[in-house]
C-alpha atoms as a PDB file:
ATOM      1  CA  MET A   1     -93.389 -56.489 -53.925  1.00  0.00           C
ATOM      2  CA  LEU A   2     -90.243 -55.557 -55.612  1.00  0.00           C
ATOM      3  CA  LYS A   3     -87.663 -57.934 -55.233  1.00  0.00           C
ATOM      4  CA  ASN A   4     -83.595 -57.548 -55.498  1.00  0.00           C
ATOM      5  CA  ILE A   5     -82.410 -59.838 -57.963  1.00  0.00           C
ATOM      6  CA  GLU A   6     -80.084 -62.622 -57.404  1.00  0.00           C
ATOM      7  CA  VAL A   7     -76.010 -61.407 -58.156  1.00  0.00           C
ATOM      8  CA  THR A   8     -74.584 -64.773 -59.917  1.00  0.00           C
ATOM      9  CA  GLN A   9     -70.994 -64.601 -61.185  1.00  0.00           C
ATOM     10  CA  ASP A  10     -72.450 -64.667 -64.615  1.00  0.00           C
ATOM     11  CA  LEU A  11     -74.188 -61.802 -64.327  1.00  0.00           C
ATOM     12  CA  LEU A  12     -71.283 -60.225 -62.564  1.00  0.00           C
ATOM     13  CA  ASP A  13     -69.172 -60.653 -65.422  1.00  0.00           C
ATOM     14  CA  TYR A  14     -71.917 -59.163 -67.841  1.00  0.00           C
ATOM     15  CA  ILE A  15     -71.812 -56.005 -65.794  1.00  0.00           C
ATOM     16  CA  TYR A  16     -68.403 -55.737 -65.709  1.00  0.00           C
ATOM     17  CA  ASP A  17     -68.496 -55.982 -69.533  1.00  0.00           C
ATOM     18  CA  HIS A  18     -70.844 -53.237 -69.953  1.00  0.00           C
ATOM     19  CA  THR A  19     -68.677 -51.020 -67.303  1.00  0.00           C
ATOM     20  CA  GLN A  20     -65.804 -48.655 -67.461  1.00  0.00           C
ATOM     21  CA  PRO A  21     -62.809 -50.899 -68.209  1.00  0.00           C
ATOM     22  CA  LEU A  22     -60.254 -50.980 -65.571  1.00  0.00           C
ATOM     23  CA  HIS A  23     -56.786 -49.634 -65.455  1.00  0.00           C
ATOM     24  CA  PRO A  24     -54.214 -51.825 -66.597  1.00  0.00           C
ATOM     25  CA  VAL A  25     -52.686 -51.267 -63.309  1.00  0.00           C
ATOM     26  CA  GLN A  26     -56.210 -52.111 -61.613  1.00  0.00           C
ATOM     27  CA  ARG A  27     -55.959 -55.521 -63.572  1.00  0.00           C
ATOM     28  CA  ASP A  28     -52.355 -56.068 -62.639  1.00  0.00           C
ATOM     29  CA  ILE A  29     -53.208 -55.846 -59.157  1.00  0.00           C
ATOM     30  CA  LEU A  30     -56.354 -58.183 -59.587  1.00  0.00           C
ATOM     31  CA  ASN A  31     -53.851 -60.691 -61.794  1.00  0.00           C
ATOM     32  CA  HIS A  32     -51.353 -60.660 -59.075  1.00  0.00           C
ATOM     33  CA  ASN A  33     -53.949 -61.022 -55.967  1.00  0.00           C
ATOM     34  CA  LYS A  34     -55.332 -64.078 -57.702  1.00  0.00           C
ATOM     35  CA  THR A  35     -52.113 -65.864 -56.938  1.00  0.00           C
ATOM     36  CA  LEU A  36     -52.683 -64.959 -53.332  1.00  0.00           C
ATOM     37  CA  GLY A  37     -55.203 -68.098 -52.345  1.00  0.00           C
ATOM     38  CA  ASP A  38     -57.447 -67.220 -49.775  1.00  0.00           C
ATOM     39  CA  ILE A  39     -56.411 -64.452 -48.333  1.00  0.00           C
ATOM     40  CA  GLN A  40     -57.267 -62.254 -51.897  1.00  0.00           C
ATOM     41  CA  ARG A  41     -61.076 -61.857 -50.097  1.00  0.00           C
ATOM     42  CA  MET A  42     -59.375 -58.917 -48.461  1.00  0.00           C
ATOM     43  CA  GLN A  43     -59.857 -56.383 -51.957  1.00  0.00           C
ATOM     44  CA  ILE A  44     -62.566 -55.142 -52.627  1.00  0.00           C
ATOM     45  CA  SER A  45     -64.698 -56.155 -55.717  1.00  0.00           C
ATOM     46  CA  GLU A  46     -64.522 -54.357 -58.775  1.00  0.00           C
ATOM     47  CA  VAL A  47     -68.015 -53.079 -58.766  1.00  0.00           C
ATOM     48  CA  GLN A  48     -67.431 -51.378 -54.911  1.00  0.00           C
ATOM     49  CA  GLY A  49     -64.070 -50.066 -56.825  1.00  0.00           C
ATOM     50  CA  HIS A  50     -66.323 -48.582 -59.640  1.00  0.00           C
ATOM     51  CA  PHE A  51     -68.742 -47.413 -56.971  1.00  0.00           C
ATOM     52  CA  LEU A  52     -66.097 -45.506 -54.990  1.00  0.00           C
ATOM     53  CA  GLN A  53     -64.493 -43.487 -57.764  1.00  0.00           C
ATOM     54  CA  LEU A  54     -68.291 -42.341 -58.972  1.00  0.00           C
ATOM     55  CA  ILE A  55     -68.661 -41.317 -55.104  1.00  0.00           C
ATOM     56  CA  ILE A  56     -65.107 -39.282 -55.482  1.00  0.00           C
ATOM     57  CA  LYS A  57     -65.768 -37.657 -58.630  1.00  0.00           C
ATOM     58  CA  ILE A  58     -69.922 -36.645 -58.054  1.00  0.00           C
ATOM     59  CA  ASN A  59     -68.711 -35.234 -54.346  1.00  0.00           C
ATOM     60  CA  ASN A  60     -65.744 -33.320 -55.596  1.00  0.00           C
ATOM     61  CA  VAL A  61     -63.670 -35.405 -53.062  1.00  0.00           C
ATOM     62  CA  LYS A  62     -59.878 -34.375 -52.762  1.00  0.00           C
ATOM     63  CA  ASN A  63     -58.588 -35.433 -49.650  1.00  0.00           C
ATOM     64  CA  CYS A  64     -59.151 -39.409 -49.023  1.00  0.00           C
ATOM     65  CA  LEU A  65     -58.166 -41.379 -45.537  1.00  0.00           C
ATOM     66  CA  GLU A  66     -57.751 -45.214 -46.382  1.00  0.00           C
ATOM     67  CA  ILE A  67     -57.628 -47.825 -43.555  1.00  0.00           C
ATOM     68  CA  GLY A  68     -56.330 -50.952 -44.565  1.00  0.00           C
ATOM     69  CA  THR A  69     -54.227 -50.839 -47.983  1.00  0.00           C
ATOM     70  CA  PHE A  70     -53.365 -54.517 -48.634  1.00  0.00           C
ATOM     71  CA  THR A  71     -51.951 -54.928 -52.005  1.00  0.00           C
ATOM     72  CA  GLY A  72     -53.533 -51.691 -53.266  1.00  0.00           C
ATOM     73  CA  PHE A  73     -56.304 -52.399 -55.128  1.00  0.00           C
ATOM     74  CA  SER A  74     -58.879 -49.988 -54.018  1.00  0.00           C
ATOM     75  CA  SER A  75     -55.815 -47.133 -53.096  1.00  0.00           C
ATOM     76  CA  LEU A  76     -55.031 -46.912 -56.664  1.00  0.00           C
ATOM     77  CA  THR A  77     -58.611 -46.998 -57.658  1.00  0.00           C
ATOM     78  CA  MET A  78     -59.522 -44.421 -55.509  1.00  0.00           C
ATOM     79  CA  ALA A  79     -56.428 -42.339 -56.531  1.00  0.00           C
ATOM     80  CA  LEU A  80     -57.222 -42.420 -60.279  1.00  0.00           C
ATOM     81  CA  SER A  81     -60.619 -40.631 -59.598  1.00  0.00           C
ATOM     82  CA  LEU A  82     -58.822 -37.485 -57.347  1.00  0.00           C
ATOM     83  CA  PRO A  83     -58.274 -34.493 -59.569  1.00  0.00           C
ATOM     84  CA  SER A  84     -54.919 -32.920 -60.211  1.00  0.00           C
ATOM     85  CA  GLY A  85     -53.497 -31.966 -56.511  1.00  0.00           C
ATOM     86  CA  GLY A  86     -55.640 -34.292 -54.737  1.00  0.00           C
ATOM     87  CA  LYS A  87     -54.132 -36.711 -52.200  1.00  0.00           C
ATOM     88  CA  LEU A  88     -54.757 -40.247 -50.697  1.00  0.00           C
ATOM     89  CA  THR A  89     -53.522 -41.374 -47.119  1.00  0.00           C
ATOM     90  CA  THR A  90     -53.486 -44.859 -46.865  1.00  0.00           C
ATOM     91  CA  LEU A  91     -52.728 -46.957 -43.472  1.00  0.00           C
ATOM     92  CA  ASP A  92     -51.638 -50.134 -42.485  1.00  0.00           C
ATOM     93  CA  HIS A  93     -49.358 -51.930 -40.313  1.00  0.00           C
ATOM     94  CA  ASP A  94     -48.231 -54.719 -42.802  1.00  0.00           C
ATOM     95  CA  LYS A  95     -44.795 -53.681 -43.974  1.00  0.00           C
ATOM     96  CA  LYS A  96     -44.603 -56.696 -46.521  1.00  0.00           C
ATOM     97  CA  ILE A  97     -47.685 -56.204 -48.178  1.00  0.00           C
ATOM     98  CA  VAL A  98     -47.618 -52.373 -48.406  1.00  0.00           C
ATOM     99  CA  HIS A  99     -44.231 -53.005 -50.148  1.00  0.00           C
ATOM    100  CA  VAL A 100     -46.260 -54.626 -52.723  1.00  0.00           C
ATOM    101  CA  ALA A 101     -49.021 -51.600 -52.942  1.00  0.00           C
ATOM    102  CA  LYS A 102     -46.009 -49.519 -53.142  1.00  0.00           C
ATOM    103  CA  ASP A 103     -44.937 -50.868 -56.490  1.00  0.00           C
ATOM    104  CA  PHE A 104     -47.872 -50.690 -58.198  1.00  0.00           C
ATOM    105  CA  PHE A 105     -48.558 -47.131 -57.173  1.00  0.00           C
ATOM    106  CA  LYS A 106     -45.410 -46.553 -58.850  1.00  0.00           C
ATOM    107  CA  LYS A 107     -45.967 -48.308 -62.136  1.00  0.00           C
ATOM    108  CA  GLY A 108     -49.612 -46.693 -62.389  1.00  0.00           C
ATOM    109  CA  ASN A 109     -47.398 -43.250 -61.716  1.00  0.00           C
ATOM    110  CA  LEU A 110     -49.653 -42.411 -58.863  1.00  0.00           C
ATOM    111  CA  ASP A 111     -47.291 -42.719 -56.203  1.00  0.00           C
ATOM    112  CA  ASN A 112     -46.984 -38.498 -55.963  1.00  0.00           C
ATOM    113  CA  LYS A 113     -50.745 -39.079 -55.066  1.00  0.00           C
ATOM    114  CA  ILE A 114     -50.812 -41.668 -52.430  1.00  0.00           C
ATOM    115  CA  GLU A 115     -49.026 -41.524 -48.835  1.00  0.00           C
ATOM    116  CA  ILE A 116     -48.368 -44.406 -47.250  1.00  0.00           C
ATOM    117  CA  VAL A 117     -48.411 -44.609 -43.318  1.00  0.00           C
ATOM    118  CA  ILE A 118     -47.121 -48.035 -41.882  1.00  0.00           C
ATOM    119  CA  SER A 119     -48.069 -47.956 -38.473  1.00  0.00           C
ATOM    120  CA  PRO A 120     -51.272 -48.871 -35.861  1.00  0.00           C
ATOM    121  CA  ALA A 121     -54.304 -47.000 -37.715  1.00  0.00           C
ATOM    122  CA  LEU A 122     -55.440 -46.316 -34.274  1.00  0.00           C
ATOM    123  CA  GLU A 123     -52.065 -44.721 -33.361  1.00  0.00           C
ATOM    124  CA  THR A 124     -52.336 -42.271 -36.486  1.00  0.00           C
ATOM    125  CA  LEU A 125     -55.879 -41.668 -36.250  1.00  0.00           C
ATOM    126  CA  LYS A 126     -55.068 -40.095 -33.034  1.00  0.00           C
ATOM    127  CA  ARG A 127     -52.225 -38.227 -34.541  1.00  0.00           C
ATOM    128  CA  PHE A 128     -54.068 -36.931 -37.027  1.00  0.00           C
ATOM    129  CA  SER A 129     -56.608 -35.873 -35.052  1.00  0.00           C
ATOM    130  CA  GLN A 130     -54.063 -34.075 -32.734  1.00  0.00           C
ATOM    131  CA  GLU A 131     -52.808 -32.331 -36.022  1.00  0.00           C
ATOM    132  CA  GLY A 132     -56.215 -31.228 -37.011  1.00  0.00           C
ATOM    133  CA  LYS A 133     -56.148 -33.010 -40.152  1.00  0.00           C
ATOM    134  CA  LYS A 134     -59.451 -33.268 -42.460  1.00  0.00           C
ATOM    135  CA  PHE A 135     -60.888 -35.440 -44.770  1.00  0.00           C
ATOM    136  CA  ASP A 136     -63.384 -35.433 -47.598  1.00  0.00           C
ATOM    137  CA  LEU A 137     -63.752 -39.256 -47.585  1.00  0.00           C
ATOM    138  CA  ILE A 138     -62.381 -41.778 -45.257  1.00  0.00           C
ATOM    139  CA  PHE A 139     -62.976 -45.575 -46.458  1.00  0.00           C
ATOM    140  CA  ILE A 140     -62.519 -48.368 -43.718  1.00  0.00           C
ATOM    141  CA  ASP A 141     -61.624 -51.727 -44.583  1.00  0.00           C
ATOM    142  CA  ALA A 142     -59.439 -53.154 -41.811  1.00  0.00           C
ATOM    143  CA  ASP A 143     -59.943 -55.319 -38.785  1.00  0.00           C
ATOM    144  CA  LYS A 144     -63.255 -55.703 -37.833  1.00  0.00           C
ATOM    145  CA  GLY A 145     -63.020 -55.640 -34.218  1.00  0.00           C
ATOM    146  CA  ASN A 146     -61.925 -52.125 -34.323  1.00  0.00           C
ATOM    147  CA  TYR A 147     -64.380 -50.729 -36.554  1.00  0.00           C
ATOM    148  CA  LYS A 148     -66.138 -48.910 -33.526  1.00  0.00           C
ATOM    149  CA  ASN A 149     -62.856 -47.253 -32.751  1.00  0.00           C
ATOM    150  CA  TYR A 150     -62.047 -46.404 -36.149  1.00  0.00           C
ATOM    151  CA  TYR A 151     -65.501 -45.188 -36.957  1.00  0.00           C
ATOM    152  CA  GLU A 152     -65.490 -42.885 -33.909  1.00  0.00           C
ATOM    153  CA  LEU A 153     -62.185 -41.573 -34.446  1.00  0.00           C
ATOM    154  CA  SER A 154     -62.906 -40.886 -38.015  1.00  0.00           C
ATOM    155  CA  LEU A 155     -66.243 -38.661 -37.200  1.00  0.00           C
ATOM    156  CA  ASN A 156     -63.544 -35.935 -35.651  1.00  0.00           C
ATOM    157  CA  LEU A 157     -61.481 -36.313 -38.914  1.00  0.00           C
ATOM    158  CA  ILE A 158     -64.092 -35.461 -41.597  1.00  0.00           C
ATOM    159  CA  ASN A 159     -65.267 -32.261 -42.893  1.00  0.00           C
ATOM    160  CA  GLU A 160     -68.934 -31.448 -43.008  1.00  0.00           C
ATOM    161  CA  LYS A 161     -71.079 -33.587 -44.493  1.00  0.00           C
ATOM    162  CA  ALA A 162     -68.407 -35.595 -45.496  1.00  0.00           C
ATOM    163  CA  LEU A 163     -68.337 -39.588 -45.790  1.00  0.00           C
ATOM    164  CA  ILE A 164     -67.193 -42.661 -43.910  1.00  0.00           C
ATOM    165  CA  ILE A 165     -67.518 -45.852 -45.927  1.00  0.00           C
ATOM    166  CA  PHE A 166     -67.364 -49.240 -44.238  1.00  0.00           C
ATOM    167  CA  ASP A 167     -66.646 -52.678 -46.046  1.00  0.00           C
ATOM    168  CA  ASN A 168     -67.625 -56.211 -45.017  1.00  0.00           C
ATOM    169  CA  VAL A 169     -70.998 -55.017 -43.022  1.00  0.00           C
ATOM    170  CA  LEU A 170     -72.785 -57.999 -44.337  1.00  0.00           C
ATOM    171  CA  TRP A 171     -70.053 -60.419 -43.737  1.00  0.00           C
ATOM    172  CA  HIS A 172     -70.471 -62.827 -46.535  1.00  0.00           C
ATOM    173  CA  GLY A 173     -74.450 -62.584 -45.532  1.00  0.00           C
ATOM    174  CA  GLU A 174     -74.260 -63.907 -42.578  1.00  0.00           C
ATOM    175  CA  VAL A 175     -74.851 -61.205 -40.097  1.00  0.00           C
ATOM    176  CA  PHE A 176     -78.688 -61.681 -40.454  1.00  0.00           C
ATOM    177  CA  LYS A 177     -78.641 -65.123 -39.709  1.00  0.00           C
ATOM    178  CA  LYS A 178     -79.534 -65.821 -36.272  1.00  0.00           C
ATOM    179  CA  ASN A 179     -77.794 -69.185 -35.860  1.00  0.00           C
ATOM    180  CA  VAL A 180     -74.964 -67.810 -36.899  1.00  0.00           C
ATOM    181  CA  THR A 181     -72.986 -67.086 -33.803  1.00  0.00           C
ATOM    182  CA  ASP A 182     -68.893 -67.135 -34.355  1.00  0.00           C
ATOM    183  CA  GLU A 183     -67.046 -64.150 -33.054  1.00  0.00           C
ATOM    184  CA  GLN A 184     -66.479 -62.194 -36.511  1.00  0.00           C
ATOM    185  CA  THR A 185     -70.422 -62.130 -37.148  1.00  0.00           C
ATOM    186  CA  ILE A 186     -71.511 -60.995 -34.076  1.00  0.00           C
ATOM    187  CA  ILE A 187     -68.585 -58.102 -34.283  1.00  0.00           C
ATOM    188  CA  MET A 188     -70.042 -57.191 -37.712  1.00  0.00           C
ATOM    189  CA  ARG A 189     -73.632 -57.547 -36.418  1.00  0.00           C
ATOM    190  CA  GLU A 190     -72.978 -55.151 -33.497  1.00  0.00           C
ATOM    191  CA  PHE A 191     -71.336 -52.711 -35.387  1.00  0.00           C
ATOM    192  CA  ASN A 192     -73.890 -52.318 -37.671  1.00  0.00           C
ATOM    193  CA  LYS A 193     -76.706 -51.969 -34.768  1.00  0.00           C
ATOM    194  CA  TYR A 194     -74.117 -49.303 -33.588  1.00  0.00           C
ATOM    195  CA  ILE A 195     -74.470 -47.295 -36.759  1.00  0.00           C
ATOM    196  CA  LYS A 196     -78.419 -47.884 -36.793  1.00  0.00           C
ATOM    197  CA  ASP A 197     -78.652 -45.949 -33.698  1.00  0.00           C
ATOM    198  CA  ASP A 198     -76.219 -43.118 -33.630  1.00  0.00           C
ATOM    199  CA  ASN A 199     -78.010 -40.059 -34.960  1.00  0.00           C
ATOM    200  CA  ARG A 200     -74.565 -37.759 -35.591  1.00  0.00           C
ATOM    201  CA  VAL A 201     -75.066 -39.308 -39.040  1.00  0.00           C
ATOM    202  CA  GLU A 202     -76.816 -40.674 -42.177  1.00  0.00           C
ATOM    203  CA  LYS A 203     -76.288 -44.168 -43.463  1.00  0.00           C
ATOM    204  CA  ILE A 204     -77.251 -46.725 -45.862  1.00  0.00           C
ATOM    205  CA  ILE A 205     -75.765 -50.489 -46.489  1.00  0.00           C
ATOM    206  CA  LEU A 206     -75.521 -50.895 -50.178  1.00  0.00           C
ATOM    207  CA  PRO A 207     -75.208 -54.663 -51.075  1.00  0.00           C
ATOM    208  CA  LEU A 208     -72.174 -54.040 -53.147  1.00  0.00           C
ATOM    209  CA  GLY A 209     -69.179 -56.868 -52.831  1.00  0.00           C
ATOM    210  CA  ASP A 210     -69.918 -58.074 -49.470  1.00  0.00           C
ATOM    211  CA  GLY A 211     -71.291 -54.651 -48.254  1.00  0.00           C
ATOM    212  CA  LEU A 212     -70.751 -51.503 -47.902  1.00  0.00           C
ATOM    213  CA  THR A 213     -72.065 -48.900 -45.067  1.00  0.00           C
ATOM    214  CA  ILE A 214     -72.137 -45.232 -46.319  1.00  0.00           C
ATOM    215  CA  CYS A 215     -72.524 -42.492 -43.345  1.00  0.00           C
ATOM    216  CA  ARG A 216     -72.793 -39.103 -43.932  1.00  0.00           C
ATOM    217  CA  LYS A 217     -71.841 -36.716 -41.032  1.00  0.00           C
ATOM    218  CA  ILE A 218     -75.283 -34.528 -40.206  1.00  0.00           C
END
């Protein structure tokens, strides 16, 4: 039986050394996040960023929605791969952290491609649905307790066969451990089963970073 290899930091360093180099502003954001302490865990991994860029390019994605901006690494990463005229809308409720992201977007000359909406995401998603907005890709990396709500609202906001991608679905590798029963792990465990049982989408979990679930609307 084939087995997956263990992904150590040394192996990750090798992978990054043999992968498309990061944009200078991507590197600036990573260096900034290293100064933030434990909260830097909210940032997606570099390999996840490369994966999102590839998905955008091979699917000719032009209109992205992101839920959860943080300091802007994932936003800027996706925006870099959008074609001319493409747009990314990113939602967050934290004015202070979004201000940091905005400075990076401007530094990367991408503020014209990125629209920031500072508001509770559920309210914004409901408004977008009422306005009839549609997106080619929705990336969700925000409060895990609302993942199901974000998912249901997102299904009404994507074009046919578009993708919804969730981060942190493996939750530090804890989701399969039956003896782990803290609230956040249970939330992610229940969310993963919810997606598994939903026949409205095709789905797969990829062990990239902290785990990505890819949902394709049927």
